[in-house]
């Protein structure tokens, strides 16, 4: 169950801004987020908001985008931001949460590794009187009253639309799906959205599904190994690949290149990472999904500010969508933002809006392509 908002209303309500520093943020790797990491200094007069991010191995977005953008947005609301990363370790996620709860953060923002740990952390925070916000990933069966993310079913629909577009007129094209972690509700929603578009094509025979394979922990290396095994068992034949994010897409492309198929087999992606954008410009990847994370950070900061002040009416005015939690049999008040489909023709959008600097994309063999597309 989901109530859609018009983008214009969302922008007005949340005060969305696209003004970002072009600092190459999405190239960040394993920096920060350690056990001894210090909260960002900001002199916040309203207290501290704690944020726990899940990992850095599968996507550069968490440290490159989410961390600095959340810090910026929370400071703008008058809060210090204690943003740390669990590096994919459940125990570390729990330890970080315990520390933040003990320090008395005003609100705890949870981008969990899985619903089990996310739900457990939310329960601990609630017992301590600390409101929680599920960030980017809804914790199924959890207890957070609010959720901020993108419309993740729409993300999957854009991936399905992109692949269908790339394979248009190629009846019977064979498709392999390399999906995200089965423990991540977002991966379930991505898959649902993909199938909203692709299932009718599978049913009609316009496309043929070879195999759909979820990848534990969004592990790119495992994704590449599984894709190669499926490709080999299918006689080395594939016409299109649904890859759930740019990291998995890169692993798939490595295997395609090894088999002389890169550039001839369209591959989907997500997150609009520099590597994903470069693969699109080279023709190895057909599309990605751009999620303007500053919007997500801004919405989260405004929602956290309202909750920290105990103003549920203001929080409800921000979270005007709902997302259904089937395990908890509840509808969670949500902010669901709109993703954008990116192909070679509009890679420039991501760069013009400041999320990835041209210098991270227009290198070496891609300088001429960037010049042709007006990317600078």
Protein backbone atom coordinates (compact mmCIF):
# COMPACT_ATOMS: atom_id res chain seq x y z
CA UNK A 1 0.00 0.00 0.00
CA UNK A 2 1.59 3.23 -1.09
CA UNK A 3 0.33 6.77 -1.43
CA UNK A 4 2.29 8.62 -4.12
CA UNK A 5 3.15 12.27 -3.87
CA UNK A 6 3.84 14.63 -6.70
CA UNK A 7 7.50 15.57 -6.91
CA UNK A 8 6.66 19.24 -6.76
CA UNK A 9 4.89 18.77 -3.46
CA UNK A 10 7.79 16.71 -2.12
CA UNK A 11 10.26 19.39 -3.09
CA UNK A 12 8.21 22.11 -1.45
CA UNK A 13 7.62 20.11 1.73
CA UNK A 14 11.15 18.91 2.19
CA UNK A 15 13.03 21.93 0.91
CA UNK A 16 15.05 19.72 -1.40
CA UNK A 17 18.25 21.20 -2.73
CA UNK A 18 20.52 19.90 -5.44
CA UNK A 19 23.38 22.27 -4.58
CA UNK A 20 26.25 19.97 -3.74
CA UNK A 21 30.01 20.22 -3.62
CA UNK A 22 31.53 18.39 -6.57
CA UNK A 23 34.10 16.63 -4.42
CA UNK A 24 34.24 13.15 -5.93
CA UNK A 25 32.25 11.85 -2.99
CA UNK A 26 31.12 8.65 -4.64
CA UNK A 27 34.65 7.38 -5.01
CA UNK A 28 35.09 6.88 -1.27
CA UNK A 29 35.99 3.43 -0.09
CA UNK A 30 36.85 2.02 3.32
CA UNK A 31 37.44 5.31 5.05
CA UNK A 32 35.84 6.37 8.31
CA UNK A 33 33.16 4.51 10.16
CA UNK A 34 35.52 2.73 12.54
CA UNK A 35 34.80 1.90 16.16
CA UNK A 36 36.78 4.94 17.28
CA UNK A 37 35.32 7.34 14.75
CA UNK A 38 34.42 10.71 16.24
CA UNK A 39 31.10 12.44 15.58
CA UNK A 40 31.28 15.20 13.01
CA UNK A 41 31.99 18.53 14.67
CA UNK A 42 29.22 20.99 14.10
CA UNK A 43 28.38 22.69 17.37
CA UNK A 44 24.79 21.55 17.06
CA UNK A 45 22.58 23.27 19.61
CA UNK A 46 19.79 20.68 19.40
CA UNK A 47 21.88 17.68 20.41
CA UNK A 48 23.18 14.71 18.42
CA UNK A 49 21.50 12.43 15.91
CA UNK A 50 23.10 9.00 15.52
CA UNK A 51 23.31 7.31 12.14
CA UNK A 52 24.51 3.76 11.48
CA UNK A 53 25.33 2.85 7.88
CA UNK A 54 25.63 -0.79 6.82
CA UNK A 55 28.86 -1.37 4.88
CA UNK A 56 31.22 -0.18 2.15
CA UNK A 57 32.05 -3.40 0.30
CA UNK A 58 29.15 -3.57 -2.15
CA UNK A 59 28.65 0.13 -2.88
CA UNK A 60 30.66 3.32 -2.47
CA UNK A 61 27.46 5.29 -1.86
CA UNK A 62 27.32 4.87 1.92
CA UNK A 63 30.60 6.62 2.71
CA UNK A 64 30.77 8.67 -0.49
CA UNK A 65 27.23 10.08 -0.57
CA UNK A 66 25.15 9.26 2.48
CA UNK A 67 27.66 10.07 5.20
CA UNK A 68 28.68 13.59 4.12
CA UNK A 69 25.18 14.47 2.95
CA UNK A 70 23.54 13.36 6.19
CA UNK A 71 26.15 15.27 8.19
CA UNK A 72 25.48 18.38 6.13
CA UNK A 73 21.69 18.06 6.37
CA UNK A 74 21.67 17.40 10.11
CA UNK A 75 23.98 20.34 10.80
CA UNK A 76 21.59 22.53 8.82
CA UNK A 77 18.84 21.46 11.24
CA UNK A 78 21.00 22.38 14.25
CA UNK A 79 22.20 18.88 15.21
CA UNK A 80 25.58 17.26 15.53
CA UNK A 81 25.78 14.08 13.47
CA UNK A 82 27.42 10.90 14.72
CA UNK A 83 27.57 8.89 11.48
CA UNK A 84 29.34 5.54 11.65
CA UNK A 85 29.60 2.46 9.44
CA UNK A 86 29.24 -1.15 10.59
CA UNK A 87 31.34 -2.45 7.66
CA UNK A 88 28.95 -5.34 7.09
CA UNK A 89 29.41 -6.78 10.60
CA UNK A 90 26.23 -7.46 12.58
CA UNK A 91 28.04 -7.39 15.93
CA UNK A 92 29.66 -4.07 15.07
CA UNK A 93 26.27 -2.67 14.05
CA UNK A 94 24.88 -3.65 17.46
CA UNK A 95 27.91 -2.26 19.30
CA UNK A 96 27.66 1.08 17.51
CA UNK A 97 23.96 1.27 18.34
CA UNK A 98 24.56 0.46 21.99
CA UNK A 99 27.14 3.23 22.19
CA UNK A 100 24.86 5.80 20.61
CA UNK A 101 21.93 4.82 22.81
CA UNK A 102 24.15 5.05 25.91
CA UNK A 103 25.29 8.54 24.85
CA UNK A 104 21.66 9.61 24.56
CA UNK A 105 21.33 10.57 20.91
CA UNK A 106 18.08 12.42 20.23
CA UNK A 107 17.16 10.19 17.27
CA UNK A 108 18.74 7.04 15.82
CA UNK A 109 18.79 6.59 12.04
CA UNK A 110 19.20 2.97 10.96
CA UNK A 111 20.42 1.77 7.55
CA UNK A 112 20.58 -1.84 8.61
CA UNK A 113 22.55 -4.83 7.38
CA UNK A 114 19.40 -6.95 7.70
CA UNK A 115 15.94 -6.63 9.22
CA UNK A 116 16.77 -8.78 12.23
CA UNK A 117 19.57 -6.57 13.54
CA UNK A 118 17.74 -3.42 12.47
CA UNK A 119 14.61 -4.45 14.33
CA UNK A 120 16.59 -5.39 17.45
CA UNK A 121 18.37 -2.03 17.48
CA UNK A 122 15.08 -0.16 17.00
CA UNK A 123 13.60 -2.05 19.97
CA UNK A 124 16.57 -1.12 22.19
CA UNK A 125 16.30 2.52 21.18
CA UNK A 126 12.55 2.57 21.78
CA UNK A 127 13.07 1.12 25.27
CA UNK A 128 15.44 4.02 25.95
CA UNK A 129 12.90 6.56 24.67
CA UNK A 130 14.84 7.30 21.47
CA UNK A 131 12.85 7.58 18.21
CA UNK A 132 14.22 5.64 15.24
CA UNK A 133 14.02 6.13 11.48
CA UNK A 134 14.61 3.28 9.04
CA UNK A 135 16.88 4.82 6.42
CA UNK A 136 16.91 3.53 2.83
CA UNK A 137 15.97 -0.02 3.96
CA UNK A 138 12.77 -0.90 5.78
CA UNK A 139 13.30 -3.35 8.64
CA UNK A 140 10.57 -5.95 8.18
CA UNK A 141 8.91 -6.80 11.45
CA UNK A 142 10.76 -3.91 13.09
CA UNK A 143 9.50 -1.12 15.28
CA UNK A 144 10.56 2.15 13.63
CA UNK A 145 7.60 4.46 13.14
CA UNK A 146 9.12 6.23 10.12
CA UNK A 147 10.97 5.25 6.97
CA UNK A 148 12.84 7.37 4.41
CA UNK A 149 13.92 5.95 1.07
CA UNK A 150 13.32 6.02 -2.63
CA UNK A 151 10.41 4.26 -4.26
CA UNK A 152 12.28 0.99 -4.51
CA UNK A 153 9.63 -0.80 -6.53
CA UNK A 154 9.99 2.02 -9.05
CA UNK A 155 13.76 1.50 -9.04
CA UNK A 156 13.18 -2.08 -10.15
CA UNK A 157 10.62 -0.99 -12.74
CA UNK A 158 13.18 1.39 -14.24
CA UNK A 159 15.67 -1.47 -14.43
CA UNK A 160 13.07 -3.64 -16.16
CA UNK A 161 12.13 -0.85 -18.53
CA UNK A 162 15.76 -0.24 -19.37
CA UNK A 163 16.42 -3.89 -20.21
CA UNK A 164 13.17 -4.20 -22.20
CA UNK A 165 14.13 -1.11 -24.16
CA UNK A 166 17.60 -2.45 -24.88
CA UNK A 167 16.21 -5.82 -26.06
CA UNK A 168 13.26 -4.42 -28.02
CA UNK A 169 12.69 -6.39 -31.21
CA UNK A 170 14.92 -9.25 -30.12
CA UNK A 171 12.22 -11.87 -29.51
CA UNK A 172 13.26 -14.81 -27.38
CA UNK A 173 16.25 -12.96 -25.93
CA UNK A 174 17.73 -14.88 -23.00
CA UNK A 175 17.97 -12.98 -19.70
CA UNK A 176 19.90 -13.74 -16.52
CA UNK A 177 18.94 -11.92 -13.32
CA UNK A 178 21.62 -11.22 -10.68
CA UNK A 179 19.72 -9.87 -7.67
CA UNK A 180 20.65 -8.35 -4.31
CA UNK A 181 20.72 -9.91 -0.87
CA UNK A 182 17.60 -11.93 0.00
CA UNK A 183 17.74 -10.50 3.54
CA UNK A 184 17.46 -6.92 2.23
CA UNK A 185 13.87 -5.77 1.75
CA UNK A 186 15.05 -3.29 -0.87
CA UNK A 187 16.34 -6.16 -3.00
CA UNK A 188 12.90 -7.77 -2.74
CA UNK A 189 11.26 -4.54 -3.89
CA UNK A 190 13.75 -4.10 -6.75
CA UNK A 191 12.96 -7.62 -7.92
CA UNK A 192 9.23 -6.98 -7.62
CA UNK A 193 9.54 -3.86 -9.76
CA UNK A 194 11.66 -5.63 -12.37
CA UNK A 195 9.09 -8.38 -12.67
CA UNK A 196 6.24 -5.87 -12.97
CA UNK A 197 7.81 -5.02 -16.31
CA UNK A 198 9.57 -8.23 -17.36
CA UNK A 199 7.16 -10.97 -16.26
CA UNK A 200 4.64 -10.24 -19.04
CA UNK A 201 7.53 -10.42 -21.53
CA UNK A 202 8.68 -13.75 -20.05
CA UNK A 203 5.12 -15.08 -20.14
CA UNK A 204 4.63 -14.06 -23.78
CA UNK A 205 7.94 -15.53 -24.90
CA UNK A 206 9.31 -12.19 -26.03
CA UNK A 207 12.03 -12.72 -23.47
CA UNK A 208 13.28 -15.96 -21.90
CA UNK A 209 14.39 -16.07 -18.27
CA UNK A 210 17.42 -18.34 -17.93
CA UNK A 211 17.80 -18.00 -14.14
CA UNK A 212 17.26 -15.50 -11.35
CA UNK A 213 19.93 -15.60 -8.64
CA UNK A 214 19.99 -13.58 -5.40
CA UNK A 215 23.47 -12.78 -4.06
CA UNK A 216 24.11 -12.96 -0.31
CA UNK A 217 25.31 -9.68 1.20
CA UNK A 218 25.32 -8.00 -2.22
CA UNK A 219 28.79 -9.55 -2.59
CA UNK A 220 30.16 -8.46 -5.96
CA UNK A 221 32.73 -11.26 -6.14
CA UNK A 222 30.07 -13.89 -5.43
CA UNK A 223 27.84 -12.22 -7.98
CA UNK A 224 30.49 -12.56 -10.66
CA UNK A 225 31.13 -16.21 -9.79
CA UNK A 226 27.42 -17.06 -9.82
CA UNK A 227 26.87 -15.25 -13.11
CA UNK A 228 29.76 -17.09 -14.73
CA UNK A 229 28.39 -20.43 -13.53
CA UNK A 230 24.94 -19.67 -14.91
CA UNK A 231 26.40 -18.41 -18.19
CA UNK A 232 28.51 -21.56 -18.57
CA UNK A 233 25.58 -23.85 -17.78
CA UNK A 234 23.59 -22.03 -20.49
CA UNK A 235 26.21 -22.79 -23.10
CA UNK A 236 27.79 -19.34 -22.89
CA UNK A 237 24.63 -17.70 -24.18
CA UNK A 238 23.00 -14.57 -22.75
CA UNK A 239 21.32 -11.60 -24.42
CA UNK A 240 20.63 -9.36 -21.42
CA UNK A 241 21.43 -9.17 -17.71
CA UNK A 242 19.45 -7.65 -14.88
CA UNK A 243 22.09 -6.63 -12.33
CA UNK A 244 20.58 -5.10 -9.19
CA UNK A 245 23.26 -2.43 -8.69
CA UNK A 246 26.39 -1.04 -10.33
CA UNK A 247 28.70 -3.20 -8.21
CA UNK A 248 27.06 -6.41 -9.39
CA UNK A 249 26.90 -4.99 -12.91
CA UNK A 250 30.66 -4.47 -12.83
CA UNK A 251 31.20 -8.08 -11.77
CA UNK A 252 28.94 -9.27 -14.58
CA UNK A 253 30.74 -7.09 -17.13
CA UNK A 254 34.09 -8.57 -16.06
CA UNK A 255 32.77 -12.04 -16.92
CA UNK A 256 31.24 -10.82 -20.18
CA UNK A 257 34.55 -9.24 -21.16
CA UNK A 258 36.36 -12.51 -20.39
CA UNK A 259 33.98 -14.22 -22.82
CA UNK A 260 34.14 -11.52 -25.51
CA UNK A 261 30.52 -10.46 -24.86
CA UNK A 262 30.91 -7.05 -23.24
CA UNK A 263 29.34 -4.25 -25.24
CA UNK A 264 26.96 -6.66 -26.96
CA UNK A 265 24.91 -7.70 -23.92
CA UNK A 266 22.93 -4.93 -22.16
CA UNK A 267 23.38 -4.87 -18.39
CA UNK A 268 21.32 -2.89 -15.89
CA UNK A 269 22.57 -1.25 -12.70
CA UNK A 270 21.77 1.16 -9.89
CA UNK A 271 23.39 3.95 -7.84
CA UNK A 272 24.98 5.99 -10.66
CA UNK A 273 28.51 5.32 -9.39
CA UNK A 274 31.51 6.66 -11.33
CA UNK A 275 32.39 3.12 -12.45
CA UNK A 276 28.80 2.50 -13.50
CA UNK A 277 28.66 5.76 -15.45
CA UNK A 278 31.98 4.97 -17.16
CA UNK A 279 30.70 1.51 -18.10
CA UNK A 280 27.61 3.14 -19.62
CA UNK A 281 29.72 5.58 -21.64
CA UNK A 282 31.85 2.68 -22.89
CA UNK A 283 28.75 0.74 -23.89
CA UNK A 284 29.39 -2.14 -21.47
CA UNK A 285 26.43 -1.21 -19.23
CA UNK A 286 23.11 -0.05 -20.65
CA UNK A 287 21.64 1.88 -17.73
CA UNK A 288 21.78 2.74 -14.07
CA UNK A 289 19.31 4.27 -11.62
CA UNK A 290 20.13 7.66 -10.17
CA UNK A 291 18.83 8.28 -6.66
CA UNK A 292 19.53 11.89 -5.61
CA UNK A 293 20.70 11.02 -2.11
CA UNK A 294 20.81 14.63 -0.93
CA UNK A 295 17.00 14.54 -1.12
CA UNK A 296 17.01 11.44 1.08
CA UNK A 297 19.43 13.02 3.55
CA UNK A 298 17.47 16.29 3.68
CA UNK A 299 14.19 14.50 4.30
CA UNK A 300 15.77 12.36 7.02
CA UNK A 301 17.25 15.40 8.76
CA UNK A 302 13.92 17.28 8.75
CA UNK A 303 12.11 14.21 10.03
CA UNK A 304 14.73 13.64 12.74
CA UNK A 305 14.45 17.28 13.82
CA UNK A 306 10.70 16.96 14.23
CA UNK A 307 10.99 13.72 16.19
CA UNK A 308 13.75 15.10 18.42
CA UNK A 309 11.37 17.89 19.40
CA UNK A 310 8.51 15.46 19.99
CA UNK A 311 6.51 17.07 17.19
CA UNK A 312 4.77 14.07 15.60
CA UNK A 313 2.40 16.33 13.69
CA UNK A 314 5.36 17.91 11.89
CA UNK A 315 6.87 14.45 11.31
CA UNK A 316 3.60 13.19 9.83
CA UNK A 317 3.45 16.23 7.54
CA UNK A 318 6.83 15.19 6.12
CA UNK A 319 6.19 11.42 5.92
CA UNK A 320 3.04 11.51 3.80
CA UNK A 321 3.60 8.17 2.01
CA UNK A 322 3.26 4.68 3.44
CA UNK A 323 5.23 1.48 2.94
CA UNK A 324 3.71 -1.84 3.91
CA UNK A 325 5.65 -4.15 6.20
CA UNK A 326 4.26 -7.62 5.44
CA UNK A 327 6.09 -9.31 8.32
CA UNK A 328 4.89 -6.78 10.87
CA UNK A 329 1.50 -6.45 9.14
CA UNK A 330 1.69 -2.69 9.41
CA UNK A 331 1.88 0.40 7.25
CA UNK A 332 4.91 2.54 8.06
CA UNK A 333 4.76 6.32 7.62
CA UNK A 334 7.27 7.04 4.89
CA UNK A 335 9.02 9.47 2.61
CA UNK A 336 9.39 7.78 -0.79
CA UNK A 337 11.41 9.77 -3.30
CA UNK A 338 11.54 9.40 -7.08
CA UNK A 339 14.50 7.65 -8.79
CA UNK A 340 15.63 8.45 -12.33
CA UNK A 341 16.67 6.19 -15.22
CA UNK A 342 20.10 7.03 -16.63
CA UNK A 343 21.39 5.87 -20.00
CA UNK A 344 24.26 7.18 -22.12
CA UNK A 345 22.07 10.02 -23.37
CA UNK A 346 21.58 11.56 -19.91
CA UNK A 347 24.68 10.61 -17.91
CA UNK A 348 25.29 14.36 -17.98
CA UNK A 349 22.36 14.80 -15.54
CA UNK A 350 24.22 13.08 -12.70
CA UNK A 351 27.32 15.19 -13.26
CA UNK A 352 25.48 18.48 -13.76
CA UNK A 353 23.66 18.00 -10.44
CA UNK A 354 26.99 17.62 -8.64
CA UNK A 355 26.79 14.00 -7.51
CA UNK A 356 29.81 12.81 -9.48
CA UNK A 357 32.48 15.19 -10.86
CA UNK A 358 33.30 14.95 -14.55
CA UNK A 359 36.94 14.33 -13.59
CA UNK A 360 35.92 10.97 -12.10
CA UNK A 361 34.23 9.86 -15.31
CA UNK A 362 35.80 11.63 -18.29
CA UNK A 363 39.21 10.00 -18.11
CA UNK A 364 41.42 8.31 -20.68
CA UNK A 365 39.43 6.75 -23.49
CA UNK A 366 36.22 8.46 -22.35
CA UNK A 367 37.34 12.08 -22.81
CA UNK A 368 36.15 12.19 -26.42
CA UNK A 369 32.80 10.60 -25.52
CA UNK A 370 32.27 13.15 -22.76
CA UNK A 371 33.06 15.98 -25.19
CA UNK A 372 30.48 14.62 -27.63
CA UNK A 373 27.85 14.51 -24.88
CA UNK A 374 28.70 17.96 -23.53
CA UNK A 375 29.96 16.60 -20.20
CA UNK A 376 32.55 18.79 -18.54
